Amino acid sequence: MHHYLNYFTFLGIFITLFMVCKILLTIENLKLLSNKILFVIFIIFGYTVLRYLFIHRIQELYDLRFPIVLITTPSVCAFPILFYLYIKTVLYNQKSFIKKDLYHLLVFISMYILYEYPYKLNLYNGEIVSEEYLYWSNYFRANNFPDWVLVIRTILNIVYSLLSYRILFKYFKTKSASIQINKVKKWLFTFANVKFILTIVNLIIVTFVLGLGKTNDFSIDVIILSIVLIMLTLILIVYKNKNILYNIPEYVNSNNYYNLKVKQEVNLNEVFKNITHEIFIQELFLNKDFKLSWLSDNLNIKQKHITLAISENGFENFSAYSNHFKIEKAKQLIKAGYLDNFSIEALAIAAGFKAVNSFYRVFKSTTGLTPSKYEYTFNKKNN
């Protein structure tokens, strides 16, 4: 039975690691704090599973000893805190951490110190050794932690699970008819439930340790397999709904939700390439009627699609996009010696600008130089 359980555990670990890698490669919108936290959660979990596989199981199965046991404290202490902070930042659309979040950092540091404190080996399993021979908990394979450290860890998990439910019930105390908001609600409660189940698993582990003095290989594999399957379920939910979960602030806003649907249904990069090509080849930006509505009618592309395609490719608005072509045209004319025979006012009109003042301002903000200085610099480099 234990032999088959080993196979299931290894298979579960490899599938989970594969899915963690896929998740990490597909996480978008890392400008959102909630996505950054989710990214860190999956990195820590992937590392923890990898550590168990290579440091624990391979050493036990093949009687190997790696020169150093990699540190596990971040995964042990950070998990409950990160789960809570993820829910909090999603609900309140936090752009960055606030002062109150420093309390959570202090909790993490306190737990880190407890886990890295150099406990004596004779605390474990009744072994008698020299008192000056100290083992650091994670660096040198100490057999176990003192019971009170395990109890504090369990309390930490329970407290943060309760805090997660508290903030969720408080935020969603008023029912909403919005389909989007209810989907987000369902996701966040699922997320909190996963953490609560992991808390229960941790409670079982501590019960084993305190009640039996130690865990056997069979019980360890059962616990690890349970944790892997629980997290794999969460990972699959995220992967299946990644277009929503990575864009929750947009998803819960009706206007932004429409934009999100367009992004999912339309290849905006292809739209951007096509309109840019047509504008450049036909020099549409020189037309006196050149604006968003005119371009939309001329190219038979929806205005919304053009706007989103432009913003997705780094332009603040259509005006900035339009000025990009005009400035490039002005630079091209300057390099061809246009200012040798014509004035800067004429250059502005030839580049598609209606006002000279606007041309000066946009040209300098784009190139960092005035048109005359740009001409001088260009001629100096090429003479």
Protein backbone atom coordinates (compact mmCIF):
# COMPACT_ATOMS: atom_id res chain seq x y z
CA MET A 1 0.00 0.00 0.00
CA HIS A 2 2.79 2.42 0.92
CA HIS A 3 4.57 1.53 -2.32
CA TYR A 4 1.53 2.56 -4.43
CA LEU A 5 1.03 5.68 -2.35
CA ASN A 6 4.59 6.72 -3.20
CA TYR A 7 3.76 6.49 -6.90
CA PHE A 8 0.59 8.55 -6.46
CA THR A 9 2.50 11.14 -4.44
CA PHE A 10 5.26 11.47 -7.04
CA LEU A 11 2.73 11.63 -9.88
CA GLY A 12 0.71 14.28 -8.05
CA ILE A 13 3.86 16.32 -7.38
CA PHE A 14 5.01 16.22 -11.01
CA ILE A 15 1.56 17.19 -12.35
CA THR A 16 1.36 20.01 -9.80
CA LEU A 17 4.85 21.30 -10.66
CA PHE A 18 3.94 21.24 -14.36
CA MET A 19 0.76 23.23 -13.72
CA VAL A 20 2.60 25.68 -11.43
CA CYS A 21 5.05 26.36 -14.28
CA LYS A 22 2.15 26.93 -16.71
CA ILE A 23 0.50 29.30 -14.24
CA LEU A 24 3.71 31.28 -13.68
CA LEU A 25 4.17 31.65 -17.45
CA THR A 26 0.62 32.90 -17.99
CA ILE A 27 0.18 35.33 -15.08
CA GLU A 28 -0.68 38.72 -16.56
CA ASN A 29 -1.15 42.23 -15.22
CA LEU A 30 1.67 42.02 -12.71
CA LYS A 31 1.18 45.74 -12.16
CA LEU A 32 -1.73 44.63 -9.94
CA LEU A 33 -0.60 43.92 -6.38
CA SER A 34 -3.04 41.00 -6.05
CA ASN A 35 -1.46 39.26 -9.06
CA LYS A 36 2.02 39.79 -7.62
CA ILE A 37 0.91 38.10 -4.39
CA LEU A 38 -0.68 35.22 -6.32
CA PHE A 39 2.57 34.87 -8.28
CA VAL A 40 4.58 34.62 -5.04
CA ILE A 41 2.13 32.08 -3.56
CA PHE A 42 2.61 29.74 -6.50
CA ILE A 43 6.39 30.21 -6.52
CA ILE A 44 6.60 29.36 -2.81
CA PHE A 45 4.31 26.36 -3.19
CA GLY A 46 6.24 25.08 -6.23
CA TYR A 47 9.49 25.45 -4.32
CA THR A 48 8.06 23.69 -1.25
CA VAL A 49 6.85 20.73 -3.29
CA LEU A 50 10.17 20.56 -5.14
CA ARG A 51 12.03 20.62 -1.84
CA TYR A 52 9.94 17.77 -0.46
CA LEU A 53 10.57 15.73 -3.60
CA PHE A 54 14.34 16.18 -3.79
CA ILE A 55 15.38 16.88 -0.21
CA HIS A 56 13.06 14.58 1.71
CA ARG A 57 11.84 11.70 -0.42
CA ILE A 58 14.94 11.10 -2.55
CA GLN A 59 17.16 11.20 0.52
CA GLU A 60 14.93 8.67 2.27
CA LEU A 61 14.41 6.35 -0.71
CA TYR A 62 18.01 6.24 -1.89
CA ASP A 63 19.80 6.86 1.40
CA LEU A 64 21.44 10.02 0.05
CA ARG A 65 22.50 13.04 2.02
CA PHE A 66 22.57 16.44 0.36
CA PRO A 67 25.23 18.79 1.77
CA ILE A 68 22.64 21.26 3.04
CA VAL A 69 18.90 21.24 3.60
CA LEU A 70 17.33 24.19 1.83
CA ILE A 71 15.47 26.70 3.93
CA THR A 72 11.71 26.16 4.30
CA THR A 73 10.75 29.06 6.56
CA PRO A 74 9.19 31.29 3.85
CA SER A 75 6.71 28.58 2.83
CA VAL A 76 5.82 27.74 6.43
CA CYS A 77 5.38 31.29 7.70
CA ALA A 78 4.33 33.25 4.62
CA PHE A 79 1.54 31.06 3.26
CA PRO A 80 -1.32 32.02 5.64
CA ILE A 81 -0.33 35.71 5.51
CA LEU A 82 -0.13 35.78 1.70
CA PHE A 83 -3.52 34.07 1.30
CA TYR A 84 -5.11 36.74 3.52
CA LEU A 85 -3.32 39.63 1.79
CA TYR A 86 -4.36 38.35 -1.63
CA ILE A 87 -8.05 38.41 -0.64
CA LYS A 88 -7.64 41.86 0.93
CA THR A 89 -5.88 43.42 -2.06
CA VAL A 90 -8.43 41.97 -4.51
CA LEU A 91 -11.41 43.27 -2.52
CA TYR A 92 -10.03 46.78 -2.08
CA ASN A 93 -8.06 46.92 -5.34
CA GLN A 94 -4.87 47.95 -3.51
CA LYS A 95 -2.15 49.34 -5.75
CA SER A 96 0.51 48.92 -3.08
CA PHE A 97 0.93 47.85 0.53
CA ILE A 98 -0.30 50.24 3.19
CA LYS A 99 0.98 50.97 6.73
CA LYS A 100 -1.39 48.46 8.33
CA ASP A 101 0.19 45.71 6.26
CA LEU A 102 3.42 46.22 8.23
CA TYR A 103 1.78 44.29 11.07
CA HIS A 104 1.72 41.23 8.84
CA LEU A 105 5.40 41.72 8.03
CA LEU A 106 6.15 41.78 11.77
CA VAL A 107 4.18 38.53 12.22
CA PHE A 108 6.22 36.93 9.45
CA ILE A 109 9.53 38.11 10.93
CA SER A 110 8.51 36.80 14.38
CA MET A 111 7.65 33.38 12.95
CA TYR A 112 10.84 33.39 10.90
CA ILE A 113 12.91 33.96 14.06
CA LEU A 114 11.09 31.10 15.84
CA TYR A 115 11.82 28.73 12.97
CA GLU A 116 15.45 29.76 12.59
CA TYR A 117 16.33 29.92 16.28
CA PRO A 118 19.24 27.48 16.98
CA TYR A 119 17.46 24.89 19.11
CA LYS A 120 19.58 22.19 20.73
CA LEU A 121 19.34 18.73 19.24
CA ASN A 122 18.64 17.13 22.62
CA LEU A 123 15.20 18.75 22.51
CA TYR A 124 14.20 16.16 19.94
CA ASN A 125 13.25 12.53 20.47
CA GLY A 126 14.99 12.35 23.83
CA GLU A 127 18.45 12.09 22.26
CA ILE A 128 21.35 12.95 24.59
CA VAL A 129 24.15 14.93 23.02
CA SER A 130 26.62 17.57 24.05
CA GLU A 131 24.85 20.78 25.08
CA GLU A 132 27.14 22.97 23.02
CA TYR A 133 26.24 21.02 19.87
CA LEU A 134 23.44 23.13 18.34
CA TYR A 135 21.27 22.40 15.33
CA TRP A 136 19.60 25.09 13.30
CA SER A 137 16.08 23.99 12.47
CA ASN A 138 16.18 24.28 8.69
CA TYR A 139 19.87 24.31 7.81
CA PHE A 140 21.06 21.09 9.45
CA ARG A 141 18.17 18.61 9.53
CA ALA A 142 16.96 18.95 13.11
CA ASN A 143 14.45 16.16 13.76
CA ASN A 144 11.59 18.41 14.74
CA PHE A 145 10.63 21.72 16.26
CA PRO A 146 9.64 22.21 19.90
CA ASP A 147 5.95 21.52 20.45
CA TRP A 148 5.16 25.14 21.29
CA VAL A 149 6.53 26.31 17.92
CA LEU A 150 4.20 23.90 16.10
CA VAL A 151 1.28 25.09 18.23
CA ILE A 152 2.03 28.74 17.40
CA ARG A 153 2.17 27.88 13.70
CA THR A 154 -1.24 26.20 13.96
CA ILE A 155 -2.69 29.21 15.76
CA LEU A 156 -1.23 31.49 13.06
CA ASN A 157 -2.97 29.45 10.35
CA ILE A 158 -6.30 29.47 12.18
CA VAL A 159 -6.16 33.22 12.90
CA TYR A 160 -5.44 34.15 9.28
CA SER A 161 -8.16 31.82 8.00
CA LEU A 162 -10.64 33.52 10.33
CA LEU A 163 -9.41 36.96 9.24
CA SER A 164 -9.96 35.96 5.61
CA TYR A 165 -13.55 34.89 6.28
CA ARG A 166 -14.17 38.00 8.37
CA ILE A 167 -13.11 40.37 5.60
CA LEU A 168 -15.09 38.40 3.00
CA PHE A 169 -18.33 38.33 5.00
CA LYS A 170 -17.93 42.02 5.81
CA TYR A 171 -17.37 42.99 2.17
CA PHE A 172 -20.13 40.78 0.72
CA LYS A 173 -22.73 41.32 3.48
CA THR A 174 -24.95 43.03 0.89
CA LYS A 175 -26.10 40.72 -1.90
CA SER A 176 -25.40 41.86 -5.43
CA ALA A 177 -27.31 41.10 -8.63
CA SER A 178 -24.13 41.55 -10.67
CA ILE A 179 -23.02 38.31 -12.31
CA GLN A 180 -19.40 39.51 -12.37
CA ILE A 181 -19.30 40.38 -8.67
CA ASN A 182 -20.91 37.05 -7.72
CA LYS A 183 -18.27 35.19 -9.73
CA VAL A 184 -15.52 37.10 -7.94
CA LYS A 185 -17.25 36.34 -4.62
CA LYS A 186 -17.36 32.63 -5.47
CA TRP A 187 -13.66 32.65 -6.39
CA LEU A 188 -12.53 34.43 -3.23
CA PHE A 189 -14.57 32.14 -0.95
CA THR A 190 -13.10 29.14 -2.82
CA PHE A 191 -9.64 30.61 -2.26
CA ALA A 192 -10.38 31.10 1.46
CA ASN A 193 -11.84 27.57 1.72
CA VAL A 194 -8.67 26.08 0.22
CA LYS A 195 -6.61 27.88 2.85
CA PHE A 196 -8.96 26.66 5.58
CA ILE A 197 -8.61 23.06 4.38
CA LEU A 198 -4.82 23.47 4.41
CA THR A 199 -5.18 24.79 7.97
CA ILE A 200 -7.08 21.63 8.93
CA VAL A 201 -4.33 19.51 7.34
CA ASN A 202 -1.75 21.44 9.36
CA LEU A 203 -3.82 20.79 12.50
CA ILE A 204 -3.76 17.05 11.71
CA ILE A 205 0.02 17.15 11.25
CA VAL A 206 0.50 18.89 14.60
CA THR A 207 -1.84 16.40 16.26
CA PHE A 208 0.27 13.54 14.90
CA VAL A 209 3.47 15.16 16.11
CA LEU A 210 2.18 16.04 19.57
CA GLY A 211 0.18 12.84 20.06
CA LEU A 212 2.56 10.27 18.57
CA GLY A 213 5.86 12.05 19.01
CA LYS A 214 6.60 11.75 15.31
CA THR A 215 5.03 10.95 11.94
CA ASN A 216 5.79 7.81 9.97
CA ASP A 217 6.52 7.77 6.24
CA PHE A 218 3.01 6.59 5.36
CA SER A 219 1.30 9.43 7.24
CA ILE A 220 3.72 11.98 5.73
CA ASP A 221 2.93 10.77 2.21
CA VAL A 222 -0.82 10.88 2.87
CA ILE A 223 -0.53 14.45 4.17
CA ILE A 224 1.71 15.60 1.31
CA LEU A 225 -0.56 14.00 -1.29
CA SER A 226 -3.57 15.69 0.31
CA ILE A 227 -1.87 19.11 0.23
CA VAL A 228 -0.76 18.59 -3.38
CA LEU A 229 -4.28 17.61 -4.51
CA ILE A 230 -5.85 20.56 -2.68
CA MET A 231 -3.43 23.06 -4.25
CA LEU A 232 -3.69 21.37 -7.65
CA THR A 233 -7.45 21.97 -7.54
CA LEU A 234 -6.82 25.66 -6.83
CA ILE A 235 -4.24 25.86 -9.61
CA LEU A 236 -6.65 24.30 -12.13
CA ILE A 237 -9.37 26.78 -11.15
CA VAL A 238 -6.95 29.67 -11.67
CA TYR A 239 -5.73 28.30 -15.01
CA LYS A 240 -9.26 27.70 -16.30
CA ASN A 241 -10.41 31.21 -15.34
CA LYS A 242 -7.14 33.11 -15.78
CA ASN A 243 -8.62 35.76 -18.09
CA ILE A 244 -10.98 36.77 -15.28
CA LEU A 245 -8.82 36.17 -12.22
CA TYR A 246 -5.86 38.15 -13.52
CA ASN A 247 -8.12 41.10 -14.37
CA ILE A 248 -10.55 41.24 -11.44
CA PRO A 249 -10.57 45.07 -11.12
CA GLU A 250 -11.57 45.31 -14.79
CA TYR A 251 -13.93 42.36 -14.52
CA VAL A 252 -16.09 43.84 -11.73
CA ASN A 253 -16.46 47.20 -13.53
CA SER A 254 -19.16 47.04 -16.25
CA ASN A 255 -17.30 49.32 -18.68
CA ASN A 256 -13.99 47.59 -18.12
CA TYR A 257 -15.74 44.21 -18.35
CA TYR A 258 -16.75 45.08 -21.94
CA ASN A 259 -13.13 46.00 -22.68
CA LEU A 260 -11.97 42.71 -21.21
CA LYS A 261 -14.40 40.77 -23.43
CA VAL A 262 -13.11 42.63 -26.49
CA LYS A 263 -9.52 41.79 -25.51
CA GLN A 264 -10.46 38.10 -25.26
CA GLU A 265 -12.41 37.99 -28.53
CA VAL A 266 -10.36 40.27 -30.80
CA ASN A 267 -6.69 39.97 -31.72
CA LEU A 268 -5.79 43.56 -30.79
CA ASN A 269 -2.14 43.14 -31.78
CA GLU A 270 -3.26 42.22 -35.28
CA VAL A 271 -5.63 45.21 -35.35
CA PHE A 272 -2.78 47.48 -34.27
CA LYS A 273 -0.43 46.13 -36.95
CA ASN A 274 -3.07 46.58 -39.67
CA ILE A 275 -4.07 50.15 -38.80
CA THR A 276 -0.43 51.19 -38.28
CA HIS A 277 0.50 49.74 -41.67
CA GLU A 278 -2.36 51.49 -43.47
CA ILE A 279 -1.73 54.84 -41.75
CA PHE A 280 1.99 54.66 -42.56
CA ILE A 281 1.68 53.48 -46.18
CA GLN A 282 -1.12 55.87 -47.14
CA GLU A 283 0.08 58.68 -44.85
CA LEU A 284 -3.47 59.02 -43.57
CA PHE A 285 -2.27 61.23 -40.71
CA LEU A 286 -1.74 64.07 -43.25
CA ASN A 287 -5.45 64.18 -44.00
CA LYS A 288 -7.12 67.24 -42.45
CA ASP A 289 -9.99 65.02 -41.20
CA PHE A 290 -7.67 62.51 -39.52
CA LYS A 291 -9.27 61.54 -36.21
CA LEU A 292 -10.62 58.40 -34.54
CA SER A 293 -14.10 58.41 -36.10
CA TRP A 294 -12.71 59.19 -39.57
CA LEU A 295 -10.11 56.42 -39.33
CA SER A 296 -12.75 53.96 -38.10
CA ASP A 297 -14.98 54.69 -41.11
CA ASN A 298 -12.05 54.72 -43.53
CA LEU A 299 -10.63 51.35 -42.42
CA ASN A 300 -13.99 49.80 -41.43
CA ILE A 301 -12.77 48.96 -37.91
CA LYS A 302 -14.77 49.69 -34.76
CA GLN A 303 -13.62 52.74 -32.82
CA LYS A 304 -13.49 50.72 -29.58
CA HIS A 305 -11.20 48.16 -31.19
CA ILE A 306 -8.86 50.89 -32.43
CA THR A 307 -8.81 52.59 -29.01
CA LEU A 308 -8.04 49.36 -27.16
CA ALA A 309 -5.43 48.28 -29.74
CA ILE A 310 -3.66 51.63 -29.31
CA SER A 311 -3.73 51.52 -25.49
CA GLU A 312 -2.55 47.89 -25.47
CA ASN A 313 0.52 48.97 -27.42
CA GLY A 314 1.67 51.76 -25.15
CA PHE A 315 -0.14 54.85 -26.43
CA GLU A 316 -2.09 56.92 -23.94
CA ASN A 317 -4.80 57.93 -26.43
CA PHE A 318 -5.51 58.45 -30.14
CA SER A 319 -3.94 61.91 -30.06
CA ALA A 320 -0.62 60.50 -28.84
CA TYR A 321 -0.85 57.77 -31.50
CA SER A 322 -1.54 60.35 -34.22
CA ASN A 323 1.33 62.57 -33.08
CA HIS A 324 3.69 59.60 -33.27
CA PHE A 325 3.26 59.43 -37.06
CA LYS A 326 3.47 63.20 -37.48
CA ILE A 327 6.70 63.49 -35.50
CA GLU A 328 8.23 60.60 -37.46
CA LYS A 329 7.26 62.42 -40.66
CA ALA A 330 8.83 65.65 -39.38
CA LYS A 331 12.07 63.84 -38.46
CA GLN A 332 12.13 62.22 -41.91
CA LEU A 333 11.74 65.61 -43.61
CA ILE A 334 14.44 67.20 -41.42
CA LYS A 335 16.87 64.41 -42.29
CA ALA A 336 16.08 64.97 -45.99
CA GLY A 337 17.12 68.64 -45.64
CA TYR A 338 13.62 70.17 -45.61
CA LEU A 339 14.67 73.04 -43.34
CA ASP A 340 17.34 74.12 -45.82
CA ASN A 341 14.60 75.58 -48.01
CA PHE A 342 11.52 75.90 -45.82
CA SER A 343 10.61 77.32 -42.43
CA ILE A 344 9.69 75.39 -39.30
CA GLU A 345 6.10 76.63 -39.76
CA ALA A 346 6.03 74.94 -43.15
CA LEU A 347 7.56 71.81 -41.61
CA ALA A 348 4.78 71.67 -39.02
CA ILE A 349 2.10 71.79 -41.75
CA ALA A 350 3.96 69.27 -43.92
CA ALA A 351 4.06 66.86 -40.95
CA GLY A 352 0.29 67.15 -40.41
CA PHE A 353 0.11 69.62 -37.53
CA LYS A 354 -2.49 72.39 -37.65
CA ALA A 355 -0.74 74.64 -35.10
CA VAL A 356 2.97 75.46 -34.94
CA ASN A 357 2.93 75.78 -31.14
CA SER A 358 1.57 72.25 -30.83
CA PHE A 359 4.26 70.99 -33.20
CA TYR A 360 7.05 72.60 -31.12
CA ARG A 361 5.67 71.21 -27.87
CA VAL A 362 5.09 67.66 -29.12
CA PHE A 363 8.38 67.52 -31.04
CA LYS A 364 10.44 68.59 -28.03
CA SER A 365 8.62 66.29 -25.59
CA THR A 366 9.15 63.37 -27.98
CA THR A 367 12.77 63.92 -29.05
CA GLY A 368 14.04 66.12 -26.21
CA LEU A 369 15.17 68.67 -28.82
CA THR A 370 13.68 71.55 -30.77
CA PRO A 371 13.38 70.99 -34.57
CA SER A 372 16.38 73.29 -35.22
CA LYS A 373 18.52 71.55 -32.60
CA TYR A 374 17.46 68.15 -33.98
CA GLU A 375 18.59 69.25 -37.47
CA TYR A 376 21.92 70.52 -36.11
CA THR A 377 22.56 67.28 -34.16
CA PHE A 378 21.69 65.14 -37.17
CA ASN A 379 23.94 67.10 -39.54
CA LYS A 380 26.82 67.03 -37.04
CA LYS A 381 26.63 63.22 -36.75
CA ASN A 382 26.55 62.75 -40.50
CA ASN A 383 29.30 65.20 -41.54
